[in-house]
Protein backbone atom coordinates (compact mmCIF):
# COMPACT_ATOMS: atom_id res chain seq x y z
CA MET A 1 10.55 21.07 -5.35
CA ARG A 2 8.75 20.95 -2.12
CA ILE A 3 9.46 20.83 1.31
CA LYS A 4 7.50 18.10 3.25
CA ARG A 5 6.56 18.89 7.30
CA ARG A 6 6.52 15.97 9.41
CA HIS A 7 2.78 15.46 11.27
CA TRP A 8 3.45 13.81 13.90
CA ALA A 9 0.90 15.15 15.82
CA SER A 10 0.21 18.49 14.45
CA VAL A 11 -2.18 16.92 11.47
CA ALA A 12 -5.61 18.81 11.79
CA ALA A 13 -8.10 15.97 12.99
CA PRO A 14 -10.38 14.94 10.08
CA ALA A 15 -13.38 16.21 11.53
CA ALA A 16 -12.02 19.83 10.90
CA LEU A 17 -11.83 18.95 7.01
CA ALA A 18 -14.09 20.97 5.26
CA LEU A 19 -16.01 18.89 3.08
CA LEU A 20 -18.86 20.91 1.37
CA ALA A 21 -21.61 19.39 -0.20
CA VAL A 22 -22.13 20.07 -4.17
CA THR A 23 -25.05 21.76 -4.68
CA GLY A 24 -24.96 22.54 -7.78
CA CYS A 25 -22.83 21.95 -10.67
CA ASP A 26 -21.48 22.77 -14.60
CA SER A 27 -22.34 19.54 -16.12
CA THR A 28 -23.79 16.69 -15.63
CA SER A 29 -24.43 13.20 -17.83
CA ASP A 30 -28.21 13.40 -16.60
CA ALA A 31 -30.22 16.16 -15.52
CA GLY A 32 -31.87 14.37 -12.88
CA ALA A 33 -28.92 12.69 -11.95
CA LYS A 34 -28.48 12.47 -8.15
CA PRO A 35 -24.79 14.17 -6.71
CA ALA A 36 -23.63 11.06 -4.89
CA ALA A 37 -23.65 11.42 -0.93
CA THR A 38 -20.18 13.36 0.63
CA PRO A 39 -18.56 10.41 2.17
CA SER A 40 -17.74 10.27 6.32
CA PRO A 41 -14.33 11.65 7.44
CA THR A 42 -11.67 8.83 8.58
CA PRO A 43 -10.45 9.48 11.82
CA VAL A 44 -6.57 9.44 12.48
CA ALA A 45 -4.42 6.80 14.36
CA ARG A 46 -2.14 8.75 16.80
CA VAL A 47 -0.12 6.24 17.87
CA CYS A 48 3.69 8.04 17.89
CA ALA A 49 2.56 10.30 19.98
CA GLN A 50 0.77 8.79 22.61
CA PRO A 51 1.54 4.87 22.53
CA ALA A 52 -0.57 2.40 24.95
CA ALA A 53 1.97 2.44 28.06
CA GLY A 54 2.53 -1.83 28.70
CA PRO A 55 2.21 -4.28 31.87
CA ALA A 56 4.05 -2.04 35.17
CA LYS A 57 4.34 -4.81 36.72
CA ALA A 58 4.92 -8.73 35.50
CA PRO A 59 2.19 -10.33 34.73
CA ALA A 60 0.81 -14.25 36.90
CA GLY A 61 3.71 -16.22 35.97
CA ALA A 62 5.68 -13.68 33.94
CA VAL A 63 9.17 -14.42 33.54
CA THR A 64 11.15 -11.30 34.25
CA VAL A 65 13.87 -9.85 31.66
CA ASP A 66 16.88 -7.65 32.84
CA PRO A 67 18.42 -4.89 30.94
CA LYS A 68 21.44 -5.04 32.53
CA VAL A 69 22.74 -8.07 31.58
CA VAL A 70 23.36 -8.64 28.11
CA GLY A 71 21.49 -11.15 26.24
CA ASP A 72 19.09 -11.83 28.96
CA LEU A 73 16.25 -11.84 26.44
CA ALA A 74 17.42 -14.30 24.42
CA ALA A 75 19.32 -17.19 26.65
CA LYS A 76 16.12 -16.78 28.84
CA THR A 77 13.60 -17.52 25.40
CA LYS A 78 16.49 -20.57 25.46
CA SER A 79 15.87 -22.28 28.95
CA ASN A 80 12.16 -21.25 28.80
CA PRO A 81 9.96 -24.09 27.98
CA PRO A 82 7.18 -22.69 25.05
CA ASN A 83 3.74 -20.44 25.81
CA THR A 84 6.25 -19.29 28.31
CA THR A 85 5.24 -14.81 29.21
CA PHE A 86 8.51 -12.41 29.19
CA TRP A 87 7.95 -9.01 30.86
CA LEU A 88 10.67 -7.15 30.53
CA ARG A 89 11.99 -4.39 33.05
CA PRO A 90 12.34 -0.41 31.91
CA GLY A 91 15.35 0.40 30.21
CA LYS A 92 17.49 -0.37 27.14
CA HIS A 93 18.02 -4.04 26.34
CA ARG A 94 20.76 -5.09 24.60
CA LEU A 95 21.84 -8.75 22.52
CA ASP A 96 24.81 -10.17 22.15
CA PRO A 97 27.24 -8.04 19.95
CA ASP A 98 27.66 -10.44 17.87
CA ARG A 99 25.78 -9.16 14.37
CA TYR A 100 23.31 -12.02 14.23
CA ALA A 101 22.73 -12.76 17.71
CA GLN A 102 18.87 -12.69 17.87
CA VAL A 103 15.77 -13.22 19.92
CA ILE A 104 14.42 -16.74 18.64
CA PRO A 105 11.39 -17.79 20.33
CA LYS A 106 9.69 -20.51 20.69
CA GLU A 107 6.03 -21.36 19.71
CA GLY A 108 3.29 -18.96 21.80
CA ASN A 109 5.84 -17.05 23.62
CA ARG A 110 4.84 -13.74 24.62
CA TYR A 111 7.11 -10.69 25.16
CA LEU A 112 5.95 -7.69 26.36
CA GLY A 113 7.76 -4.28 27.50
CA ALA A 114 7.15 -2.61 31.11
CA PRO A 115 6.59 1.58 30.14
CA GLY A 116 9.96 2.87 29.11
CA ALA A 117 11.20 -0.97 27.68
CA VAL A 118 13.19 -1.00 24.49
CA LEU A 119 14.95 -3.74 22.63
CA ASP A 120 18.39 -1.74 20.92
CA GLY A 121 20.56 -3.38 18.07
CA ARG A 122 22.84 -0.40 18.45
CA LYS A 123 23.51 -0.75 15.01
CA LYS A 124 25.22 -4.20 15.36
CA ASN A 125 22.22 -7.00 15.15
CA GLN A 126 20.17 -7.70 12.04
CA TYR A 127 17.28 -8.92 13.61
CA ALA A 128 16.01 -8.58 16.85
CA PHE A 129 13.46 -11.64 16.78
CA GLY A 130 13.78 -14.51 13.93
CA GLY A 131 12.60 -18.12 13.37
CA SER A 132 9.70 -20.10 12.79
CA ALA A 133 7.77 -20.59 16.10
CA ARG A 134 4.32 -19.82 15.33
CA HIS A 135 1.82 -17.82 17.06
CA VAL A 136 4.21 -15.19 18.72
CA THR A 137 3.07 -12.39 20.34
CA ILE A 138 4.78 -8.84 20.74
CA GLY A 139 3.67 -6.02 22.66
CA HIS A 140 4.89 -2.24 24.53
CA LEU A 141 8.24 -2.48 23.70
CA THR A 142 10.41 -0.33 21.26
CA VAL A 143 12.23 -2.14 18.97
CA GLN A 144 14.81 0.05 17.53
CA ARG A 145 18.32 0.97 15.71
CA PHE A 146 18.42 -2.95 14.55
CA VAL A 147 20.42 -3.52 10.41
CA ALA A 148 18.75 -5.63 8.41
CA PRO A 149 20.04 -5.89 4.42
CA PRO A 150 17.78 -4.85 2.27
CA ASP A 151 14.33 -6.56 1.81
CA GLU A 152 14.93 -8.10 5.02
CA GLY A 153 13.24 -7.58 8.36
CA VAL A 154 13.99 -6.93 12.01
CA VAL A 155 10.62 -8.22 13.76
CA ASN A 156 9.35 -11.55 12.76
CA HIS A 157 12.77 -11.61 10.37
CA ASP A 158 11.82 -15.78 9.04
CA SER A 159 7.92 -14.76 8.25
CA ALA A 160 6.21 -17.02 10.86
CA ASP A 161 2.77 -17.34 11.04
CA GLY A 162 0.32 -16.58 13.48
CA TRP A 163 2.29 -13.95 15.31
CA VAL A 164 0.69 -11.22 16.51
CA ILE A 165 2.24 -7.49 17.39
CA GLU A 166 1.00 -4.85 18.96
CA HIS A 167 1.60 -1.79 20.82
CA ALA A 168 4.89 -1.64 19.70
CA THR A 169 6.73 1.39 18.43
CA ILE A 170 9.69 -0.09 15.50
CA GLN A 171 11.83 2.34 14.42
CA ASP A 172 15.51 3.55 13.12
CA ASN A 173 16.23 0.44 11.59
CA SER A 174 17.60 -0.61 8.55
CA GLY A 175 15.58 -3.05 6.11
CA ALA A 176 12.03 -3.47 6.95
CA GLY A 177 10.73 -3.02 10.61
CA LEU A 178 9.06 -6.27 10.55
CA MET A 179 8.27 -8.88 8.06
CA ALA A 180 4.64 -11.00 8.01
CA GLY A 181 3.61 -14.59 7.78
CA ALA A 182 -0.08 -16.12 7.38
CA HIS A 183 -2.97 -14.83 10.24
CA GLN A 184 -0.71 -12.23 11.47
CA GLN A 185 -2.17 -9.26 12.96
CA VAL A 186 -0.41 -5.93 13.38
CA ARG A 187 -2.46 -3.87 15.23
CA ALA A 188 -2.19 0.17 16.91
CA ASN A 189 1.89 -0.16 16.11
CA CYS A 190 4.31 3.08 15.50
CA LEU A 191 5.95 1.82 12.30
CA ARG A 192 8.32 5.17 11.72
CA ASP A 193 11.63 5.73 9.96
CA ASN A 194 12.74 2.52 8.88
CA GLY A 195 15.59 2.56 6.25
CA GLN A 196 13.15 0.72 3.64
CA TYR A 197 9.93 -0.44 4.59
CA GLY A 198 8.20 -0.32 7.55
CA MET A 199 6.46 -3.96 7.59
CA ASN A 200 7.25 -6.39 4.09
CA ALA A 201 4.86 -8.87 3.95
CA TYR A 202 6.92 -10.83 2.20
CA LYS A 203 7.15 -14.49 2.67
CA GLY A 204 10.06 -17.03 0.68
CA GLY A 205 8.86 -19.69 -1.10
CA GLY A 206 5.24 -19.47 0.12
CA ARG A 207 1.78 -17.07 -0.25
CA ILE A 208 0.49 -15.08 2.92
CA SER A 209 -2.95 -15.39 3.84
CA GLY A 210 -5.63 -14.07 6.17
CA LEU A 211 -2.85 -10.22 7.24
CA VAL A 212 -4.87 -7.61 9.40
CA VAL A 213 -2.90 -4.79 9.54
CA GLU A 214 -5.47 -2.61 11.70
CA GLY A 215 -4.87 1.05 13.50
CA ASN A 216 -1.03 1.37 12.93
CA GLU A 217 0.26 4.57 12.57
CA ILE A 218 2.90 3.86 9.44
CA VAL A 219 5.56 7.17 9.17
CA GLY A 220 8.58 8.15 7.51
CA ASN A 221 10.17 5.01 6.03
CA ASN A 222 12.22 5.04 3.70
CA THR A 223 14.81 6.64 4.62
CA ASP A 224 17.46 5.06 2.82
CA ASP A 225 15.52 5.77 -0.14
CA TRP A 226 16.14 2.85 -1.73
CA GLU A 227 14.05 3.75 -5.38
CA ARG A 228 16.71 6.37 -6.31
CA ARG A 229 19.76 4.00 -5.27
CA ARG A 230 18.11 1.19 -7.07
CA GLU A 231 15.96 3.12 -9.84
CA GLY A 232 13.25 0.76 -10.97
CA CYS A 233 13.29 -1.37 -7.80
CA GLY A 234 9.62 -1.22 -6.52
CA CYS A 235 11.47 -2.16 -3.39
CA THR A 236 9.90 0.77 -0.68
CA GLY A 237 6.82 1.79 0.83
CA GLY A 238 4.91 2.41 4.16
CA ILE A 239 4.33 -1.37 3.55
CA LYS A 240 4.49 -3.59 0.50
CA PHE A 241 2.80 -6.34 -0.01
CA TRP A 242 3.78 -9.74 -2.45
CA ALA A 243 1.50 -12.48 -3.06
CA VAL A 244 -0.77 -12.08 -0.02
CA ASP A 245 -4.31 -14.01 -0.45
CA GLY A 246 -6.43 -12.29 1.95
CA ALA A 247 -5.55 -8.80 4.08
CA ASP A 248 -7.83 -6.11 6.29
CA VAL A 249 -6.04 -3.08 6.37
CA ARG A 250 -8.34 -1.03 7.93
CA GLY A 251 -7.64 2.34 10.28
CA ASN A 252 -4.36 3.26 9.75
CA TRP A 253 -2.39 6.29 9.52
CA VAL A 254 0.08 6.09 6.66
CA HIS A 255 2.10 9.36 6.33
CA ASP A 256 4.87 11.62 5.20
CA ASN A 257 6.38 8.12 3.64
CA ARG A 258 9.50 8.89 1.23
CA GLY A 259 8.16 7.09 -1.65
CA THR A 260 4.46 4.96 -1.58
CA GLY A 261 2.33 4.47 1.26
CA LEU A 262 0.94 1.07 0.58
CA TRP A 263 1.98 -1.01 -2.25
CA ALA A 264 0.67 -4.38 -3.00
CA ASP A 265 2.94 -6.06 -5.84
CA THR A 266 2.94 -9.04 -7.72
CA ASN A 267 -0.57 -11.45 -7.29
CA ASN A 268 -1.94 -10.45 -4.07
CA ASN A 269 -5.56 -11.51 -3.89
CA ASP A 270 -8.94 -10.16 -2.05
CA PHE A 271 -7.89 -7.36 -0.42
CA ARG A 272 -9.90 -4.66 1.86
CA ILE A 273 -8.24 -1.49 2.27
CA GLU A 274 -11.19 0.92 4.44
CA ASN A 275 -10.99 3.52 6.74
CA ASN A 276 -7.07 5.10 6.63
CA VAL A 277 -6.07 8.16 6.51
CA LEU A 278 -3.60 8.24 3.62
CA GLU A 279 -1.70 11.50 3.76
CA ASP A 280 1.41 13.45 2.33
CA ASN A 281 3.25 10.51 1.17
CA ASP A 282 6.07 11.57 -1.81
CA GLY A 283 4.42 9.18 -4.23
CA ALA A 284 1.31 7.83 -4.38
CA ALA A 285 -1.16 6.76 -1.46
CA LEU A 286 -1.82 3.30 -2.98
CA ILE A 287 -0.12 1.38 -6.09
CA TYR A 288 -2.39 -2.55 -6.70
CA GLU A 289 -0.05 -4.07 -8.85
CA THR A 290 -0.66 -7.07 -11.12
CA SER A 291 -2.74 -8.60 -8.49
CA TYR A 292 -6.03 -9.15 -8.38
CA ASN A 293 -9.75 -8.70 -6.29
CA ALA A 294 -9.84 -5.63 -3.98
CA VAL A 295 -12.33 -3.24 -1.98
CA ILE A 296 -10.85 0.29 -1.17
CA ARG A 297 -13.48 2.00 0.98
CA GLY A 298 -13.80 5.14 3.20
CA ASN A 299 -10.50 6.63 2.72
CA THR A 300 -9.34 9.76 3.60
CA ILE A 301 -6.15 10.88 0.72
CA ARG A 302 -5.37 13.68 0.66
CA ARG A 303 -1.29 15.95 -0.38
CA ASN A 304 -0.62 12.65 -1.69
CA ASN A 305 2.33 12.23 -4.43
CA TRP A 306 3.69 15.85 -4.93
CA VAL A 307 7.22 14.83 -4.48
CA GLU A 308 7.17 12.02 -7.25
CA GLY A 309 4.23 13.06 -9.58
CA ARG A 310 6.14 16.69 -10.14
CA ARG A 311 9.50 15.44 -10.42
CA GLN A 312 7.68 13.49 -13.05
CA ALA A 313 6.02 16.33 -14.95
CA GLU A 314 9.27 18.48 -14.77
CA ARG A 315 10.96 15.83 -16.94
CA GLY A 316 8.30 16.04 -19.55
CA ASP A 317 6.72 13.17 -19.04
CA ASN A 318 3.25 13.01 -19.98
CA PHE A 319 2.26 9.95 -18.23
CA PRO A 320 -0.99 10.89 -15.60
CA PHE A 321 0.64 9.69 -12.33
CA ALA A 322 -1.78 9.18 -10.10
CA THR A 323 -2.70 8.87 -6.21
CA VAL A 324 -4.40 6.34 -6.40
CA TYR A 325 -2.83 3.69 -9.72
CA LEU A 326 -3.44 0.54 -10.42
CA SER A 327 -1.23 -1.22 -12.72
CA GLU A 328 -2.10 -4.36 -14.43
CA SER A 329 -5.43 -5.38 -11.75
CA GLY A 330 -8.85 -6.33 -11.66
CA GLY A 331 -11.44 -8.24 -11.06
CA GLU A 332 -11.44 -12.09 -11.90
CA PRO A 333 -14.19 -13.99 -10.99
CA ARG A 334 -12.21 -17.10 -10.80
CA ILE A 335 -10.05 -16.37 -8.24
CA GLU A 336 -11.78 -16.78 -4.86
CA ALA A 337 -12.12 -13.93 -2.97
CA ARG A 338 -14.94 -11.79 -1.27
CA THR A 339 -15.56 -9.75 -3.84
CA ASP A 340 -15.19 -10.52 -7.55
CA LYS A 341 -14.25 -7.15 -9.47
CA ILE A 342 -12.03 -4.77 -7.70
CA GLU A 343 -13.96 -1.18 -6.23
CA ILE A 344 -13.20 1.89 -5.25
CA TYR A 345 -15.75 4.13 -3.87
CA ARG A 346 -16.77 6.35 -0.29
CA ASN A 347 -13.42 7.74 -0.24
CA VAL A 348 -12.34 11.59 -0.27
CA LEU A 349 -9.10 12.59 -2.56
CA GLU A 350 -8.24 16.45 -1.87
CA ASN A 351 -5.07 18.32 -3.26
CA ASN A 352 -3.45 14.64 -4.55
CA TRP A 353 -1.40 15.34 -7.27
CA SER A 354 -3.67 13.92 -9.83
CA GLY A 355 -6.15 11.25 -8.79
CA ILE A 356 -6.79 7.46 -9.90
CA THR A 357 -5.42 6.15 -12.55
CA LEU A 358 -6.06 2.37 -14.58
CA TRP A 359 -2.95 1.03 -16.02
CA GLU A 360 -2.14 -1.59 -18.55
CA ASN A 361 1.39 -2.33 -19.72
CA ALA A 362 0.28 -4.14 -23.54
CA ASP A 363 4.27 -5.27 -23.15
CA ARG A 364 4.03 -7.02 -19.40
CA PHE A 365 2.82 -10.69 -20.02
CA CYS A 366 3.83 -13.87 -18.49
CA ASN A 367 7.36 -14.94 -20.45
CA SER A 368 7.59 -11.65 -21.52
CA PRO A 369 11.61 -9.56 -20.30
CA ALA A 370 8.80 -6.44 -20.16
CA ASN A 371 7.58 -8.42 -17.71
CA THR A 372 9.01 -6.39 -14.29
CA SER A 373 7.41 -9.37 -12.16
CA SER A 374 10.20 -11.29 -13.71
CA GLY A 375 9.95 -15.30 -12.67
CA ASP A 376 6.11 -14.69 -11.85
CA CYS A 377 2.93 -15.66 -14.13
CA THR A 378 -0.77 -14.47 -12.92
CA LEU A 379 -2.44 -17.00 -10.61
CA LEU A 380 -4.65 -18.46 -14.01
CA VAL A 381 -1.53 -19.78 -15.84
CA LYS A 382 0.50 -22.89 -13.35
CA ASP A 383 2.62 -23.50 -16.11
CA THR A 384 5.03 -20.04 -17.25
CA ASP A 385 6.29 -22.18 -19.61
CA ARG A 386 2.73 -22.39 -21.84
CA CYS A 387 2.80 -18.35 -22.30
CA ALA A 388 4.93 -18.79 -25.88
CA GLU A 389 3.91 -18.36 -29.23
CA PRO A 390 2.02 -20.28 -30.91
CA ALA A 391 -0.59 -21.28 -27.65
CA ILE A 392 -0.20 -17.93 -26.04
CA ALA A 393 -1.92 -16.02 -29.18
CA LYS A 394 -4.69 -18.22 -28.97
CA ALA A 395 -7.49 -18.51 -26.22
CA PRO A 396 -7.60 -19.64 -23.11
CA LEU A 397 -3.83 -18.22 -22.91
CA TYR A 398 -4.20 -15.54 -24.38
CA ALA A 399 -6.59 -14.26 -21.93
CA ASP A 400 -4.84 -15.62 -18.61
CA CYS A 401 -1.55 -15.08 -19.36
CA ARG A 402 -1.13 -11.60 -19.02
CA TRP A 403 -2.60 -9.35 -15.81
CA LYS A 404 -5.51 -7.28 -17.02
CA THR A 405 -7.03 -4.12 -15.40
CA GLN A 406 -11.05 -5.01 -15.52
CA ARG A 407 -14.35 -5.08 -13.60
CA VAL A 408 -13.37 -1.71 -11.64
CA ASP A 409 -15.78 0.16 -10.55
CA ILE A 410 -15.45 3.95 -9.50
CA HIS A 411 -18.02 5.26 -8.01
CA ASP A 412 -19.65 7.37 -4.60
CA ASN A 413 -16.04 8.94 -4.38
CA ARG A 414 -15.77 13.11 -3.69
CA PHE A 415 -12.45 14.22 -5.78
CA VAL A 416 -11.17 18.05 -5.20
CA LEU A 417 -8.27 19.70 -6.33
CA ASP A 418 -7.47 22.78 -5.75
CA LYS A 419 -3.86 23.95 -7.64
CA SER A 420 -3.54 26.70 -5.50
CA VAL A 421 -2.76 24.55 -3.03
CA VAL A 422 -0.49 21.17 -4.23
CA LYS A 423 1.09 24.42 -6.92
CA CYS A 424 0.92 22.94 -10.22
CA ALA A 425 -0.19 23.96 -13.21
CA ALA A 426 -0.49 21.18 -15.16
CA LYS A 427 -0.91 17.12 -15.20
CA CYS A 428 -1.83 17.28 -11.50
CA ASP A 429 -4.80 17.17 -12.30
CA ARG A 430 -6.14 14.11 -14.06
CA MET A 431 -8.18 10.47 -14.24
CA ALA A 432 -7.28 8.08 -16.42
CA VAL A 433 -7.40 4.29 -18.24
CA LEU A 434 -4.78 3.77 -20.51
CA ALA A 435 -2.23 1.78 -22.40
CA ASN A 436 1.06 1.93 -24.50
CA TYR A 437 1.09 0.75 -27.77
CA GLY A 438 2.43 -2.60 -27.82
CA THR A 439 5.46 -3.35 -29.68
CA TYR A 440 7.46 -6.47 -27.45
CA PRO A 441 8.34 -8.56 -27.99
CA ASP A 442 8.59 -9.61 -31.47
CA TRP A 443 6.43 -12.76 -31.29
CA SER A 444 3.65 -10.55 -28.66
CA PRO A 445 0.21 -11.53 -29.17
CA TYR A 446 -0.76 -8.46 -27.78
CA GLN A 447 0.97 -5.44 -29.88
CA GLY A 448 -0.63 -2.52 -31.59
CA GLU A 449 -3.67 -0.60 -29.84
CA ARG A 450 -5.44 -4.10 -28.85
CA VAL A 451 -5.16 -3.49 -25.02
CA SER A 452 -5.46 0.23 -25.12
CA GLU A 453 -9.03 -0.97 -27.21
CA ALA A 454 -9.09 -3.54 -24.42
CA ILE A 455 -8.51 -1.95 -21.46
CA THR A 456 -10.63 1.83 -21.95
CA ARG A 457 -14.17 -0.22 -23.98
CA LYS A 458 -14.21 -3.61 -22.96
CA GLN A 459 -13.05 -4.61 -20.20
CA HIS A 460 -16.00 -3.22 -17.63
CA ASN A 461 -13.86 0.08 -16.17
CA ARG A 462 -16.11 2.40 -14.88
CA TRP A 463 -16.86 5.48 -13.11
CA HIS A 464 -19.90 6.75 -12.00
CA ASP A 465 -21.70 8.65 -9.18
CA ASN A 466 -19.01 10.37 -8.42
CA VAL A 467 -17.98 14.39 -7.10
CA TYR A 468 -15.94 16.32 -8.52
CA VAL A 469 -15.16 19.47 -7.37
CA GLY A 470 -12.17 21.69 -9.40
CA PRO A 471 -10.43 22.00 -12.70
CA TRP A 472 -10.21 17.70 -13.20
CA THR A 473 -9.29 17.06 -16.84
CA PHE A 474 -9.31 13.28 -18.27
CA VAL A 475 -7.12 10.52 -20.21
CA ALA A 476 -8.69 7.38 -21.73
CA HIS A 477 -6.98 4.90 -24.43
CA ASP A 478 -3.27 6.62 -24.69
CA PRO A 479 -1.83 9.37 -22.48
CA SER A 480 -2.24 11.61 -26.08
CA GLN A 481 -6.58 11.68 -25.24
CA VAL A 482 -7.06 14.45 -23.08
CA LEU A 483 -10.10 15.09 -22.22
CA ASP A 484 -12.63 17.47 -20.58
CA PHE A 485 -15.74 16.22 -18.54
CA GLY A 486 -17.98 16.64 -21.42
CA ARG A 487 -15.89 14.03 -23.99
CA TRP A 488 -15.47 11.94 -21.20
CA GLN A 489 -18.86 11.48 -20.28
CA ALA A 490 -19.75 11.08 -24.36
CA THR A 491 -19.33 8.62 -26.62
CA PRO A 492 -17.13 6.37 -27.17
CA TYR A 493 -16.29 6.20 -23.34
CA ARG A 494 -19.17 6.70 -21.38
CA GLN A 495 -17.68 7.75 -17.89
CA ASP A 496 -19.18 9.13 -15.13
CA VAL A 497 -22.87 8.81 -15.68
CA GLY A 498 -24.67 10.47 -12.64
CA SER A 499 -21.47 12.19 -11.54
CA THR A 500 -21.12 16.04 -11.21
CA PHE A 501 -18.75 18.23 -12.18
CA ARG A 502 -18.09 21.90 -11.01
CA ALA A 503 -14.92 23.21 -12.43
CA ARG A 504 -13.48 25.81 -9.62
CA ASP A 505 -10.30 25.37 -7.88
CA GLY A 506 -10.85 24.31 -4.19
CA GLY A 507 -13.83 22.51 -2.20
């Protein structure tokens, strides 16, 4: 098992990454095909090592908060009107020792930390900032050592709308460093070493829209290793997104998280995930699960999934655990978004444990006991109870009661694999499009190979115009169908038209 090393400021700059142009290939589907262009490397947001300093003096009209007075921040927030700016002096600020003591902002309040200003929960307080006030700003402040319960967060605990969190360091907390509301902006923060998530983008009883996550460093989260404590919970990640309708996730450095880097789970839609550096996460760099319509472009993705991928391989599991994993997710023109497909292009994937897997669980659909998003249905069916026999076996419910991996367009990416770097002999070299044999429940209309046939041949999932360097293999239809590049390009799969392939190890 690999022992991982932290990279707070020691990772080589992407500009130094050697991305060799492919000048020849061992195989191509078209003698006249032009190799895909080499994507440009992505700059790194090194926020934790060099946080931007806050104002050294109180802004005009601001209320000054004294770190020597316990509870001063909460008390002054309560006694001042909405739209007040608070300036926290240098030093360690504390709340009252009651576990539920917290700051309840009023609409439009701004909280700015001076250089060295820290709000410390002392492992006693659960939450730092909560309540339902909108348009609150928190900037240049370190928030640390709060003990939020699992699935709850420390900053914006109640998922209020319109908050701006910028140039903050949110670290060493239990639960999630922060929650998210609609139209929240999370910019240039250090989200580090939190117990469960850096951010949990979840809003109880409603969807989140217009979320911006830009220029943050998201590192070392899930220190409490929740996937081991609750096996199969799907409850960790650098960031986890739930039912977010419209998100721009760009220019972040997501690295060295225990588990997945970015994970969108259950009825997310309209994501743009672009120009991020995703590296050295124990699990997948990106999971897009039971969700819709996304653009994933211009990302640098390297050395991910070494821990979890190797663990599954050593257990003898033949599933193609991938670094970019699309599970029951695809393009859907009937759901409004900036795109009507999932497009993955101009990314560099280098020395990860496997590449991209498109998967669809034949037994996972609305009302199925195998639906791990229990109680949820697709965005195309308002009344979940309609997804039952006999109606589910006929149009439109046959199509609309299941999340489908469809309309996925993977092109102009560069896939590099050197097994001597990854230190693997097998099962780390796969691209895949597949499903399982449907068996469950007994009234399911998706039994047998129906879903395997659909995802592989009928749902418009295609790779093309990519560059492969290294000994890649390909899986189609089901885990037993492991193909070389020639068979992957040939009938009946006809994948990677216009792509180039050089089988030698390395980049």
